[in-house]
Amino acid sequence: MRPQITYYGHSCFSILIGGKNILFDPFITPNPKANMVDVSTIKPDVICISHGHGDHVADAVSIAKQSNAQVLGAYEVTEWLVNQGITNCIPMNIGGTVNLGFCTVQMVKAEHSSSFPDGSYAGNAAGFVVKSSEASFYYAGDTALTLDMQLIPLYSKLDFAFLPIGDNFTMGIKDAARAAKLVQCKKVVGMHFDTFLPIEINHSEALDHFESEQLQLTLPLINQTFQL
């Protein structure tokens, strides 16, 4: 069965894989473009947090409390959550892998800064490689293009990848296409775009560029559920 993906805006996705839901970087309530999403209904089994910026952790505490999900993140991120009463955490760091039974999750490097909304240190920014019997995928988090992405195919043959494409704070469209080639993945889901003015993109230009590079780009609508 192919994984079922739901987009909640910005860089927040829920992936139903192996009968379990994994939620990435919950930023919904402060996003006016995601006001149709009922956060109270989101009850993942696992939450993966790539880094500490507010536009990736805003709803982490509330969703973790209502779902009792296991939360994976850098050591500093999980300590921040523990201090807010979230104890079902698995601290990780770059290069580490956790076996969750229905899948494995490896934390990989991202080129980005990481701090909490109050400015305190949040450890290293990261991405994740998720492997299961159904599919394998790469969630890049916020990142620039980096040659470290060439390591990803050593870990897994990817079925799809979530890559930031909004530019300004992360890589843009052309570098995201280059990243897709480095990780050897033709199916890309764009993220970290259109939420704020500095990361608005031209959709047709993005789609055309990926097509010209023999890549498939999906730009999902918020609250859309789809398969690849």
N, C-alpha and C. Protein backbone atom coordinates (compact mmCIF):
# COMPACT_ATOMS: atom_id res chain seq x y z
N MET A 1 0.84 -1.20 0.00
CA MET A 1 0.00 0.00 0.00
C MET A 1 0.88 1.25 0.00
N ARG A 2 0.58 2.18 -0.90
CA ARG A 2 1.36 3.41 -0.96
C ARG A 2 1.01 4.31 0.23
N PRO A 3 1.99 5.01 0.78
CA PRO A 3 1.72 5.92 1.88
C PRO A 3 0.71 7.00 1.48
N GLN A 4 -0.09 7.40 2.45
CA GLN A 4 -1.07 8.47 2.26
C GLN A 4 -0.54 9.73 2.92
N ILE A 5 -0.48 10.81 2.16
CA ILE A 5 0.14 12.05 2.62
C ILE A 5 -0.92 13.13 2.76
N THR A 6 -0.92 13.84 3.88
CA THR A 6 -1.80 14.99 4.07
C THR A 6 -0.93 16.21 4.34
N TYR A 7 -1.22 17.29 3.63
CA TYR A 7 -0.45 18.53 3.76
C TYR A 7 -1.22 19.52 4.63
N TYR A 8 -0.58 20.00 5.68
CA TYR A 8 -1.19 20.97 6.58
C TYR A 8 -0.60 22.37 6.43
N GLY A 9 0.13 22.60 5.36
CA GLY A 9 0.69 23.91 5.10
C GLY A 9 2.14 24.04 5.53
N HIS A 10 2.85 24.98 4.90
CA HIS A 10 4.25 25.29 5.17
C HIS A 10 5.11 24.03 5.00
N SER A 11 5.62 23.46 6.08
CA SER A 11 6.43 22.24 5.99
C SER A 11 5.82 21.11 6.79
N CYS A 12 4.54 21.21 7.08
CA CYS A 12 3.86 20.25 7.94
C CYS A 12 3.10 19.21 7.12
N PHE A 13 3.48 17.97 7.28
CA PHE A 13 2.85 16.85 6.59
C PHE A 13 2.55 15.74 7.58
N SER A 14 1.48 15.01 7.30
CA SER A 14 1.21 13.75 7.99
C SER A 14 1.32 12.64 6.95
N ILE A 15 2.08 11.61 7.28
CA ILE A 15 2.26 10.48 6.36
C ILE A 15 1.76 9.22 7.05
N LEU A 16 0.75 8.60 6.46
CA LEU A 16 0.23 7.32 6.94
C LEU A 16 1.05 6.22 6.28
N ILE A 17 1.84 5.52 7.07
CA ILE A 17 2.75 4.51 6.54
C ILE A 17 2.84 3.37 7.56
N GLY A 18 2.72 2.16 7.10
CA GLY A 18 2.75 1.01 8.00
C GLY A 18 1.64 1.03 9.03
N GLY A 19 0.51 1.64 8.68
CA GLY A 19 -0.62 1.72 9.59
C GLY A 19 -0.49 2.76 10.68
N LYS A 20 0.56 3.57 10.64
CA LYS A 20 0.80 4.60 11.64
C LYS A 20 0.95 5.96 10.96
N ASN A 21 0.63 7.01 11.71
CA ASN A 21 0.76 8.37 11.20
C ASN A 21 2.00 9.05 11.77
N ILE A 22 2.84 9.57 10.88
CA ILE A 22 4.00 10.37 11.27
C ILE A 22 3.72 11.81 10.87
N LEU A 23 3.83 12.72 11.82
CA LEU A 23 3.61 14.15 11.57
C LEU A 23 4.95 14.87 11.61
N PHE A 24 5.20 15.72 10.62
CA PHE A 24 6.44 16.47 10.55
C PHE A 24 6.18 17.96 10.77
N ASP A 25 7.01 18.57 11.63
CA ASP A 25 7.11 20.02 11.81
C ASP A 25 5.75 20.73 11.91
N PRO A 26 5.02 20.49 13.01
CA PRO A 26 3.67 21.05 13.13
C PRO A 26 3.63 22.56 13.34
N PHE A 27 3.29 23.26 12.29
CA PHE A 27 3.08 24.72 12.30
C PHE A 27 1.78 24.97 11.55
N ILE A 28 0.68 25.08 12.30
CA ILE A 28 -0.64 25.18 11.68
C ILE A 28 -1.42 26.37 12.24
N THR A 29 -1.58 26.42 13.56
CA THR A 29 -2.40 27.46 14.19
C THR A 29 -1.97 28.87 13.82
N PRO A 30 -0.68 29.22 13.81
CA PRO A 30 -0.29 30.59 13.46
C PRO A 30 -0.32 30.88 11.96
N ASN A 31 -0.58 29.88 11.14
CA ASN A 31 -0.55 30.05 9.69
C ASN A 31 -1.95 30.39 9.18
N PRO A 32 -2.20 31.64 8.80
CA PRO A 32 -3.55 32.02 8.35
C PRO A 32 -4.00 31.26 7.11
N LYS A 33 -3.06 30.76 6.33
CA LYS A 33 -3.43 30.01 5.13
C LYS A 33 -3.90 28.59 5.45
N ALA A 34 -3.71 28.19 6.72
CA ALA A 34 -4.13 26.84 7.13
C ALA A 34 -5.32 26.90 8.08
N ASN A 35 -6.11 27.98 8.00
CA ASN A 35 -7.20 28.15 8.98
C ASN A 35 -8.34 27.15 8.79
N MET A 36 -8.32 26.39 7.69
CA MET A 36 -9.35 25.36 7.49
C MET A 36 -8.99 24.05 8.18
N VAL A 37 -7.79 23.98 8.74
CA VAL A 37 -7.33 22.74 9.39
C VAL A 37 -7.76 22.74 10.86
N ASP A 38 -8.43 21.70 11.29
CA ASP A 38 -8.83 21.54 12.68
C ASP A 38 -7.72 20.79 13.42
N VAL A 39 -6.89 21.53 14.13
CA VAL A 39 -5.73 20.94 14.79
C VAL A 39 -6.15 19.90 15.83
N SER A 40 -7.32 20.08 16.43
CA SER A 40 -7.76 19.16 17.48
C SER A 40 -7.99 17.74 16.97
N THR A 41 -8.12 17.59 15.66
CA THR A 41 -8.37 16.26 15.09
C THR A 41 -7.07 15.54 14.69
N ILE A 42 -5.94 16.23 14.80
CA ILE A 42 -4.67 15.65 14.37
C ILE A 42 -4.07 14.86 15.52
N LYS A 43 -4.02 13.56 15.38
CA LYS A 43 -3.53 12.69 16.45
C LYS A 43 -2.55 11.66 15.90
N PRO A 44 -1.33 12.11 15.65
CA PRO A 44 -0.32 11.22 15.08
C PRO A 44 0.19 10.21 16.10
N ASP A 45 0.84 9.18 15.59
CA ASP A 45 1.54 8.23 16.45
C ASP A 45 2.96 8.70 16.74
N VAL A 46 3.54 9.42 15.79
CA VAL A 46 4.91 9.91 15.90
C VAL A 46 4.96 11.33 15.37
N ILE A 47 5.74 12.19 16.03
CA ILE A 47 6.00 13.54 15.55
C ILE A 47 7.51 13.68 15.36
N CYS A 48 7.92 14.12 14.17
CA CYS A 48 9.34 14.38 13.90
C CYS A 48 9.53 15.88 13.74
N ILE A 49 10.47 16.43 14.50
CA ILE A 49 10.73 17.87 14.47
C ILE A 49 12.15 18.09 13.95
N SER A 50 12.26 18.84 12.86
CA SER A 50 13.55 19.01 12.20
C SER A 50 14.44 20.03 12.89
N HIS A 51 13.85 21.06 13.48
CA HIS A 51 14.63 22.08 14.19
C HIS A 51 13.69 22.96 15.01
N GLY A 52 14.26 23.94 15.71
CA GLY A 52 13.50 24.65 16.73
C GLY A 52 12.78 25.91 16.32
N HIS A 53 12.89 26.34 15.07
CA HIS A 53 12.25 27.59 14.68
C HIS A 53 10.73 27.53 14.85
N GLY A 54 10.15 28.68 15.17
CA GLY A 54 8.74 28.73 15.48
C GLY A 54 7.84 28.21 14.38
N ASP A 55 8.24 28.39 13.13
CA ASP A 55 7.41 27.91 12.03
C ASP A 55 7.57 26.41 11.78
N HIS A 56 8.13 25.72 12.77
CA HIS A 56 8.24 24.25 12.70
C HIS A 56 7.83 23.58 14.00
N VAL A 57 7.66 24.36 15.07
CA VAL A 57 7.31 23.76 16.37
C VAL A 57 6.07 24.37 17.01
N ALA A 58 5.40 25.29 16.34
CA ALA A 58 4.34 26.08 16.98
C ALA A 58 3.26 25.22 17.63
N ASP A 59 2.87 24.13 16.99
CA ASP A 59 1.81 23.27 17.52
C ASP A 59 2.33 21.96 18.08
N ALA A 60 3.64 21.86 18.25
CA ALA A 60 4.22 20.59 18.70
C ALA A 60 3.71 20.18 20.08
N VAL A 61 3.69 21.11 21.01
CA VAL A 61 3.29 20.77 22.38
C VAL A 61 1.82 20.37 22.43
N SER A 62 0.95 21.17 21.82
CA SER A 62 -0.49 20.88 21.90
C SER A 62 -0.83 19.56 21.22
N ILE A 63 -0.24 19.30 20.06
CA ILE A 63 -0.55 18.04 19.36
C ILE A 63 0.05 16.85 20.10
N ALA A 64 1.24 17.01 20.65
CA ALA A 64 1.85 15.92 21.42
C ALA A 64 1.00 15.59 22.65
N LYS A 65 0.45 16.61 23.31
CA LYS A 65 -0.38 16.37 24.49
C LYS A 65 -1.67 15.66 24.12
N GLN A 66 -2.32 16.08 23.04
CA GLN A 66 -3.62 15.49 22.71
C GLN A 66 -3.50 14.09 22.10
N SER A 67 -2.32 13.75 21.60
CA SER A 67 -2.14 12.46 20.93
C SER A 67 -1.27 11.48 21.69
N ASN A 68 -0.47 11.99 22.63
CA ASN A 68 0.56 11.19 23.31
C ASN A 68 1.51 10.53 22.32
N ALA A 69 1.75 11.21 21.21
CA ALA A 69 2.67 10.70 20.19
C ALA A 69 4.09 10.66 20.72
N GLN A 70 4.88 9.73 20.20
CA GLN A 70 6.32 9.79 20.42
C GLN A 70 6.88 10.94 19.61
N VAL A 71 7.76 11.72 20.22
CA VAL A 71 8.34 12.87 19.52
C VAL A 71 9.83 12.63 19.30
N LEU A 72 10.25 12.72 18.05
CA LEU A 72 11.66 12.57 17.69
C LEU A 72 12.22 13.92 17.30
N GLY A 73 13.41 14.20 17.80
CA GLY A 73 14.07 15.45 17.44
C GLY A 73 15.46 15.48 18.02
N ALA A 74 16.19 16.53 17.71
CA ALA A 74 17.51 16.71 18.31
C ALA A 74 17.39 16.71 19.83
N TYR A 75 18.45 16.33 20.50
CA TYR A 75 18.45 16.27 21.96
C TYR A 75 17.91 17.55 22.57
N GLU A 76 18.37 18.69 22.05
CA GLU A 76 17.95 19.98 22.62
C GLU A 76 16.46 20.23 22.40
N VAL A 77 15.94 19.77 21.27
CA VAL A 77 14.51 19.94 21.00
C VAL A 77 13.68 19.11 21.97
N THR A 78 14.10 17.87 22.20
CA THR A 78 13.33 17.03 23.12
C THR A 78 13.43 17.53 24.56
N GLU A 79 14.58 18.08 24.95
CA GLU A 79 14.70 18.67 26.29
C GLU A 79 13.74 19.85 26.44
N TRP A 80 13.62 20.67 25.41
CA TRP A 80 12.69 21.80 25.40
C TRP A 80 11.25 21.31 25.58
N LEU A 81 10.92 20.20 24.94
CA LEU A 81 9.58 19.64 25.05
C LEU A 81 9.34 19.04 26.44
N VAL A 82 10.34 18.34 26.97
CA VAL A 82 10.22 17.77 28.31
C VAL A 82 9.93 18.87 29.33
N ASN A 83 10.57 20.01 29.18
CA ASN A 83 10.35 21.13 30.09
C ASN A 83 8.94 21.69 29.99
N GLN A 84 8.21 21.31 28.93
CA GLN A 84 6.82 21.75 28.77
C GLN A 84 5.85 20.59 28.99
N GLY A 85 6.35 19.53 29.61
CA GLY A 85 5.48 18.43 30.01
C GLY A 85 5.32 17.32 29.00
N ILE A 86 6.11 17.36 27.92
CA ILE A 86 6.03 16.30 26.91
C ILE A 86 7.15 15.30 27.20
N THR A 87 6.81 14.16 27.75
CA THR A 87 7.83 13.21 28.20
C THR A 87 8.04 12.04 27.26
N ASN A 88 7.12 11.83 26.32
CA ASN A 88 7.23 10.69 25.40
C ASN A 88 8.13 11.08 24.22
N CYS A 89 9.39 11.33 24.52
CA CYS A 89 10.33 11.85 23.53
C CYS A 89 11.48 10.87 23.29
N ILE A 90 11.99 10.89 22.08
CA ILE A 90 13.18 10.13 21.74
C ILE A 90 14.23 11.12 21.24
N PRO A 91 15.22 11.44 22.07
CA PRO A 91 16.27 12.37 21.62
C PRO A 91 17.18 11.71 20.60
N MET A 92 17.56 12.49 19.60
CA MET A 92 18.42 11.97 18.54
C MET A 92 19.51 12.98 18.22
N ASN A 93 20.40 12.60 17.32
CA ASN A 93 21.35 13.55 16.76
C ASN A 93 21.75 13.05 15.38
N ILE A 94 22.48 13.89 14.66
CA ILE A 94 22.81 13.61 13.27
C ILE A 94 23.48 12.25 13.12
N GLY A 95 22.97 11.44 12.20
CA GLY A 95 23.54 10.12 11.93
C GLY A 95 22.86 8.99 12.66
N GLY A 96 22.09 9.30 13.70
CA GLY A 96 21.44 8.27 14.49
C GLY A 96 20.18 7.74 13.84
N THR A 97 19.85 6.49 14.14
CA THR A 97 18.66 5.83 13.61
C THR A 97 17.85 5.23 14.75
N VAL A 98 16.54 5.39 14.69
CA VAL A 98 15.62 4.81 15.67
C VAL A 98 14.71 3.82 14.95
N ASN A 99 14.55 2.65 15.54
CA ASN A 99 13.64 1.64 14.99
C ASN A 99 12.31 1.74 15.75
N LEU A 100 11.26 2.13 15.02
CA LEU A 100 9.95 2.29 15.64
C LEU A 100 9.05 1.08 15.43
N GLY A 101 9.60 0.02 14.88
CA GLY A 101 8.81 -1.18 14.62
C GLY A 101 8.22 -1.17 13.23
N PHE A 102 7.36 -0.21 12.95
CA PHE A 102 6.74 -0.13 11.64
C PHE A 102 7.62 0.58 10.62
N CYS A 103 8.68 1.24 11.10
CA CYS A 103 9.64 1.92 10.21
C CYS A 103 10.89 2.26 11.01
N THR A 104 11.93 2.65 10.29
CA THR A 104 13.11 3.24 10.93
C THR A 104 13.19 4.70 10.52
N VAL A 105 13.72 5.51 11.41
CA VAL A 105 13.89 6.94 11.15
C VAL A 105 15.34 7.30 11.42
N GLN A 106 16.02 7.79 10.42
CA GLN A 106 17.40 8.24 10.57
C GLN A 106 17.45 9.76 10.48
N MET A 107 18.17 10.36 11.41
CA MET A 107 18.35 11.81 11.39
C MET A 107 19.59 12.13 10.56
N VAL A 108 19.41 13.01 9.58
CA VAL A 108 20.51 13.38 8.68
C VAL A 108 20.72 14.89 8.71
N LYS A 109 21.84 15.31 8.17
CA LYS A 109 22.25 16.70 8.27
C LYS A 109 21.40 17.62 7.39
N ALA A 110 21.14 18.82 7.91
CA ALA A 110 20.56 19.91 7.13
C ALA A 110 21.44 21.14 7.33
N GLU A 111 21.54 21.97 6.31
CA GLU A 111 22.32 23.21 6.41
C GLU A 111 21.37 24.35 6.70
N HIS A 112 21.26 24.68 7.99
CA HIS A 112 20.29 25.69 8.42
C HIS A 112 20.62 26.05 9.86
N SER A 113 20.08 27.16 10.33
CA SER A 113 20.22 27.51 11.74
C SER A 113 19.09 26.87 12.54
N SER A 114 19.21 26.91 13.87
CA SER A 114 18.16 26.34 14.71
C SER A 114 18.18 26.99 16.08
N SER A 115 17.08 27.65 16.39
CA SER A 115 16.89 28.23 17.73
C SER A 115 15.41 28.20 18.03
N PHE A 116 15.09 28.24 19.32
CA PHE A 116 13.69 28.25 19.72
C PHE A 116 13.11 29.66 19.60
N PRO A 117 11.79 29.80 19.65
CA PRO A 117 11.18 31.13 19.52
C PRO A 117 11.72 32.17 20.50
N ASP A 118 12.22 31.73 21.66
CA ASP A 118 12.78 32.69 22.61
C ASP A 118 14.25 33.00 22.33
N GLY A 119 14.80 32.41 21.27
CA GLY A 119 16.18 32.67 20.89
C GLY A 119 17.19 31.70 21.46
N SER A 120 16.76 30.80 22.33
CA SER A 120 17.69 29.85 22.95
C SER A 120 18.12 28.77 21.96
N TYR A 121 19.23 28.13 22.27
CA TYR A 121 19.87 27.16 21.38
C TYR A 121 19.01 25.91 21.21
N ALA A 122 18.85 25.47 19.96
CA ALA A 122 17.99 24.32 19.68
C ALA A 122 18.75 23.17 19.03
N GLY A 123 20.07 23.17 19.15
CA GLY A 123 20.84 22.08 18.55
C GLY A 123 21.02 22.26 17.06
N ASN A 124 21.31 21.17 16.37
CA ASN A 124 21.53 21.20 14.93
C ASN A 124 20.23 21.00 14.17
N ALA A 125 20.06 21.76 13.09
CA ALA A 125 18.95 21.50 12.18
C ALA A 125 19.18 20.16 11.49
N ALA A 126 18.09 19.48 11.15
CA ALA A 126 18.22 18.12 10.62
C ALA A 126 17.13 17.82 9.61
N GLY A 127 17.32 16.72 8.92
CA GLY A 127 16.30 16.10 8.10
C GLY A 127 16.13 14.67 8.56
N PHE A 128 15.24 13.93 7.89
CA PHE A 128 14.97 12.55 8.29
C PHE A 128 14.84 11.66 7.06
N VAL A 129 15.38 10.45 7.16
CA VAL A 129 15.13 9.41 6.16
C VAL A 129 14.29 8.33 6.84
N VAL A 130 13.11 8.09 6.29
CA VAL A 130 12.17 7.11 6.85
C VAL A 130 12.11 5.91 5.92
N LYS A 131 12.28 4.72 6.48
CA LYS A 131 12.27 3.48 5.70
C LYS A 131 11.25 2.51 6.30
N SER A 132 10.40 1.96 5.44
CA SER A 132 9.47 0.92 5.86
C SER A 132 9.33 -0.08 4.72
N SER A 133 8.54 -1.13 4.97
CA SER A 133 8.31 -2.12 3.92
C SER A 133 7.46 -1.55 2.79
N GLU A 134 6.74 -0.45 3.07
CA GLU A 134 5.87 0.16 2.06
C GLU A 134 6.62 1.15 1.17
N ALA A 135 7.50 1.93 1.77
CA ALA A 135 8.18 2.99 1.02
C ALA A 135 9.32 3.56 1.85
N SER A 136 10.19 4.27 1.17
CA SER A 136 11.25 5.04 1.83
C SER A 136 11.18 6.47 1.33
N PHE A 137 11.37 7.42 2.24
CA PHE A 137 11.33 8.81 1.81
C PHE A 137 12.27 9.67 2.64
N TYR A 138 12.56 10.84 2.11
CA TYR A 138 13.47 11.81 2.72
C TYR A 138 12.69 13.08 3.00
N TYR A 139 12.70 13.50 4.25
CA TYR A 139 12.13 14.79 4.65
C TYR A 139 13.32 15.68 4.97
N ALA A 140 13.56 16.69 4.13
CA ALA A 140 14.81 17.45 4.21
C ALA A 140 14.82 18.49 5.32
N GLY A 141 13.64 18.85 5.86
CA GLY A 141 13.60 19.98 6.79
C GLY A 141 13.96 21.26 6.06
N ASP A 142 14.39 22.26 6.79
CA ASP A 142 14.89 23.50 6.18
C ASP A 142 16.36 23.31 5.86
N THR A 143 16.73 23.51 4.62
CA THR A 143 18.13 23.30 4.27
C THR A 143 18.51 24.02 3.00
N ALA A 144 19.78 24.30 2.88
CA ALA A 144 20.39 24.70 1.62
C ALA A 144 20.77 23.44 0.86
N LEU A 145 21.10 23.60 -0.41
CA LEU A 145 21.69 22.51 -1.16
C LEU A 145 23.06 22.19 -0.57
N THR A 146 23.33 20.93 -0.35
CA THR A 146 24.61 20.52 0.22
C THR A 146 25.04 19.19 -0.38
N LEU A 147 26.33 19.04 -0.59
CA LEU A 147 26.84 17.79 -1.16
C LEU A 147 26.63 16.60 -0.23
N ASP A 148 26.36 16.87 1.06
CA ASP A 148 26.04 15.77 1.97
C ASP A 148 24.82 14.98 1.50
N MET A 149 23.98 15.61 0.68
CA MET A 149 22.80 14.90 0.17
C MET A 149 23.17 13.69 -0.67
N GLN A 150 24.39 13.67 -1.19
CA GLN A 150 24.85 12.52 -1.96
C GLN A 150 24.92 11.25 -1.11
N LEU A 151 24.94 11.41 0.22
CA LEU A 151 24.99 10.26 1.11
C LEU A 151 23.62 9.57 1.23
N ILE A 152 22.55 10.30 0.99
CA ILE A 152 21.21 9.76 1.23
C ILE A 152 20.97 8.46 0.46
N PRO A 153 21.34 8.35 -0.82
CA PRO A 153 21.09 7.08 -1.53
C PRO A 153 21.87 5.90 -0.97
N LEU A 154 22.91 6.17 -0.18
CA LEU A 154 23.63 5.07 0.46
C LEU A 154 22.77 4.42 1.54
N TYR A 155 21.85 5.19 2.11
CA TYR A 155 21.00 4.69 3.18
C TYR A 155 19.75 4.00 2.65
N SER A 156 19.21 4.53 1.54
CA SER A 156 17.96 3.98 1.05
C SER A 156 17.69 4.44 -0.38
N LYS A 157 17.03 3.60 -1.15
CA LYS A 157 16.50 4.01 -2.45
C LYS A 157 15.16 4.69 -2.19
N LEU A 158 15.09 5.98 -2.46
CA LEU A 158 13.92 6.77 -2.10
C LEU A 158 12.78 6.61 -3.09
N ASP A 159 11.56 6.58 -2.56
CA ASP A 159 10.36 6.61 -3.40
C ASP A 159 9.89 8.04 -3.64
N PHE A 160 10.10 8.91 -2.67
CA PHE A 160 9.77 10.33 -2.82
C PHE A 160 10.54 11.13 -1.79
N ALA A 161 10.55 12.46 -1.99
CA ALA A 161 11.29 13.34 -1.09
C ALA A 161 10.52 14.63 -0.88
N PHE A 162 10.56 15.14 0.34
CA PHE A 162 9.99 16.44 0.68
C PHE A 162 11.14 17.44 0.73
N LEU A 163 11.11 18.43 -0.17
CA LEU A 163 12.20 19.39 -0.27
C LEU A 163 11.68 20.82 -0.19
N PRO A 164 12.36 21.69 0.57
CA PRO A 164 11.97 23.11 0.60
C PRO A 164 12.30 23.76 -0.74
N ILE A 165 11.40 24.64 -1.21
CA ILE A 165 11.60 25.25 -2.52
C ILE A 165 11.37 26.76 -2.52
N GLY A 166 11.11 27.35 -1.36
CA GLY A 166 10.69 28.75 -1.30
C GLY A 166 11.78 29.79 -1.41
N ASP A 167 13.05 29.36 -1.37
CA ASP A 167 14.18 30.28 -1.45
C ASP A 167 14.21 31.20 -0.22
N ASN A 168 15.10 32.14 -0.21
CA ASN A 168 15.28 33.15 0.84
C ASN A 168 15.80 32.55 2.15
N PHE A 169 15.02 31.67 2.80
CA PHE A 169 15.44 31.03 4.04
C PHE A 169 15.99 29.62 3.81
N THR A 170 15.69 29.05 2.66
CA THR A 170 16.13 27.70 2.30
C THR A 170 16.55 27.73 0.82
N MET A 171 16.84 26.57 0.28
CA MET A 171 17.11 26.52 -1.15
C MET A 171 15.84 26.84 -1.94
N GLY A 172 16.04 27.30 -3.17
CA GLY A 172 14.93 27.62 -4.04
C GLY A 172 14.66 26.52 -5.04
N ILE A 173 13.92 26.85 -6.07
CA ILE A 173 13.45 25.86 -7.04
C ILE A 173 14.60 25.14 -7.74
N LYS A 174 15.57 25.89 -8.25
CA LYS A 174 16.64 25.26 -9.02
C LYS A 174 17.53 24.39 -8.14
N ASP A 175 17.83 24.87 -6.94
CA ASP A 175 18.65 24.05 -6.04
C ASP A 175 17.87 22.83 -5.55
N ALA A 176 16.56 22.97 -5.40
CA ALA A 176 15.76 21.81 -4.99
C ALA A 176 15.79 20.73 -6.07
N ALA A 177 15.78 21.14 -7.33
CA ALA A 177 15.90 20.16 -8.42
C ALA A 177 17.27 19.50 -8.39
N ARG A 178 18.30 20.30 -8.11
CA ARG A 178 19.64 19.72 -7.98
C ARG A 178 19.69 18.74 -6.80
N ALA A 179 19.02 19.10 -5.71
CA ALA A 179 18.98 18.21 -4.54
C ALA A 179 18.30 16.89 -4.89
N ALA A 180 17.22 16.96 -5.66
CA ALA A 180 16.52 15.73 -6.06
C ALA A 180 17.46 14.80 -6.82
N LYS A 181 18.32 15.38 -7.63
CA LYS A 181 19.27 14.55 -8.38
C LYS A 181 20.35 13.98 -7.45
N LEU A 182 20.78 14.76 -6.47
CA LEU A 182 21.79 14.26 -5.54
C LEU A 182 21.26 13.09 -4.71
N VAL A 183 19.99 13.17 -4.32
CA VAL A 183 19.41 12.09 -3.51
C VAL A 183 18.80 10.99 -4.39
N GLN A 184 18.91 11.19 -5.70
CA GLN A 184 18.46 10.20 -6.69
C GLN A 184 16.98 9.85 -6.53
N CYS A 185 16.17 10.92 -6.50
CA CYS A 185 14.72 10.74 -6.32
C CYS A 185 13.98 11.62 -7.32
N LYS A 186 13.15 11.02 -8.15
CA LYS A 186 12.45 11.77 -9.19
C LYS A 186 11.14 12.39 -8.71
N LYS A 187 10.57 11.85 -7.63
CA LYS A 187 9.29 12.36 -7.13
C LYS A 187 9.53 13.28 -5.94
N VAL A 188 9.20 14.55 -6.11
CA VAL A 188 9.46 15.56 -5.08
C VAL A 188 8.16 16.23 -4.67
N VAL A 189 7.98 16.41 -3.38
CA VAL A 189 6.88 17.21 -2.83
C VAL A 189 7.49 18.50 -2.32
N GLY A 190 7.03 19.62 -2.86
CA GLY A 190 7.55 20.91 -2.42
C GLY A 190 7.00 21.31 -1.07
N MET A 191 7.83 22.01 -0.30
CA MET A 191 7.39 22.54 1.00
C MET A 191 8.12 23.85 1.29
N HIS A 192 7.70 24.50 2.37
CA HIS A 192 8.30 25.78 2.77
C HIS A 192 8.20 26.80 1.64
N PHE A 193 6.97 26.97 1.13
CA PHE A 193 6.72 27.94 0.07
C PHE A 193 5.35 28.59 0.28
N ASP A 194 5.23 29.83 -0.15
CA ASP A 194 3.98 30.59 -0.20
C ASP A 194 3.41 30.99 1.16
N THR A 195 4.00 30.56 2.26
CA THR A 195 3.45 30.90 3.58
C THR A 195 3.61 32.38 3.88
N PHE A 196 4.76 32.93 3.55
CA PHE A 196 5.08 34.33 3.79
C PHE A 196 5.54 34.95 2.47
N LEU A 197 5.48 36.27 2.39
CA LEU A 197 5.86 36.98 1.17
C LEU A 197 7.25 36.61 0.66
N PRO A 198 8.28 36.52 1.54
CA PRO A 198 9.62 36.23 1.01
C PRO A 198 9.77 34.84 0.39
N ILE A 199 8.83 33.93 0.64
CA ILE A 199 8.97 32.58 0.09
C ILE A 199 7.84 32.23 -0.89
N GLU A 200 7.18 33.25 -1.43
CA GLU A 200 6.18 32.99 -2.46
C GLU A 200 6.88 32.57 -3.75
N ILE A 201 6.31 31.62 -4.45
CA ILE A 201 6.93 31.12 -5.68
C ILE A 201 5.95 31.22 -6.85
N ASN A 202 6.48 31.15 -8.04
CA ASN A 202 5.68 31.04 -9.26
C ASN A 202 5.48 29.55 -9.53
N HIS A 203 4.28 29.08 -9.34
CA HIS A 203 4.01 27.65 -9.42
C HIS A 203 4.31 27.09 -10.81
N SER A 204 3.88 27.80 -11.83
CA SER A 204 4.09 27.27 -13.18
C SER A 204 5.57 27.20 -13.53
N GLU A 205 6.34 28.20 -13.09
CA GLU A 205 7.78 28.16 -13.34
C GLU A 205 8.44 26.99 -12.61
N ALA A 206 8.00 26.76 -11.37
CA ALA A 206 8.56 25.64 -10.60
C ALA A 206 8.25 24.31 -11.26
N LEU A 207 6.99 24.12 -11.64
CA LEU A 207 6.59 22.86 -12.27
C LEU A 207 7.31 22.65 -13.60
N ASP A 208 7.42 23.73 -14.38
CA ASP A 208 8.10 23.64 -15.68
C ASP A 208 9.57 23.30 -15.51
N HIS A 209 10.21 23.91 -14.50
CA HIS A 209 11.64 23.65 -14.30
C HIS A 209 11.87 22.19 -13.92
N PHE A 210 11.07 21.68 -13.01
CA PHE A 210 11.24 20.28 -12.62
C PHE A 210 10.98 19.34 -13.81
N GLU A 211 9.98 19.66 -14.59
CA GLU A 211 9.69 18.82 -15.76
C GLU A 211 10.86 18.85 -16.74
N SER A 212 11.47 20.03 -16.91
CA SER A 212 12.62 20.14 -17.83
C SER A 212 13.81 19.33 -17.35
N GLU A 213 13.86 19.05 -16.04
CA GLU A 213 14.94 18.25 -15.46
C GLU A 213 14.54 16.78 -15.31
N GLN A 214 13.42 16.41 -15.95
CA GLN A 214 12.89 15.04 -15.88
C GLN A 214 12.58 14.62 -14.44
N LEU A 215 12.01 15.57 -13.70
CA LEU A 215 11.61 15.33 -12.32
C LEU A 215 10.13 15.63 -12.17
N GLN A 216 9.49 15.01 -11.20
CA GLN A 216 8.07 15.22 -10.94
C GLN A 216 7.90 16.02 -9.65
N LEU A 217 7.36 17.23 -9.76
CA LEU A 217 7.13 18.08 -8.59
C LEU A 217 5.65 18.13 -8.26
N THR A 218 5.32 17.89 -7.01
CA THR A 218 3.96 18.06 -6.51
C THR A 218 3.92 19.26 -5.59
N LEU A 219 3.00 20.19 -5.86
CA LEU A 219 2.77 21.35 -5.00
C LEU A 219 1.38 21.19 -4.40
N PRO A 220 1.28 20.56 -3.24
CA PRO A 220 -0.03 20.21 -2.69
C PRO A 220 -0.79 21.43 -2.18
N LEU A 221 -2.10 21.29 -2.15
CA LEU A 221 -2.97 22.28 -1.52
C LEU A 221 -3.06 21.96 -0.03
N ILE A 222 -3.24 23.00 0.77
CA ILE A 222 -3.36 22.79 2.22
C ILE A 222 -4.62 21.99 2.53
N ASN A 223 -4.48 21.00 3.37
CA ASN A 223 -5.53 20.06 3.79
C ASN A 223 -5.81 19.00 2.73
N GLN A 224 -4.98 18.95 1.71
CA GLN A 224 -5.12 17.94 0.66
C GLN A 224 -4.47 16.63 1.10
N THR A 225 -5.14 15.53 0.83
CA THR A 225 -4.58 14.20 1.05
C THR A 225 -4.34 13.55 -0.31
N PHE A 226 -3.16 12.97 -0.48
CA PHE A 226 -2.80 12.44 -1.79
C PHE A 226 -1.81 11.29 -1.63
N GLN A 227 -1.57 10.60 -2.73
CA GLN A 227 -0.57 9.55 -2.81
C GLN A 227 0.34 9.82 -4.00
N LEU A 228 1.54 9.28 -3.95
CA LEU A 228 2.50 9.44 -5.05
C LEU A 228 2.75 8.09 -5.73
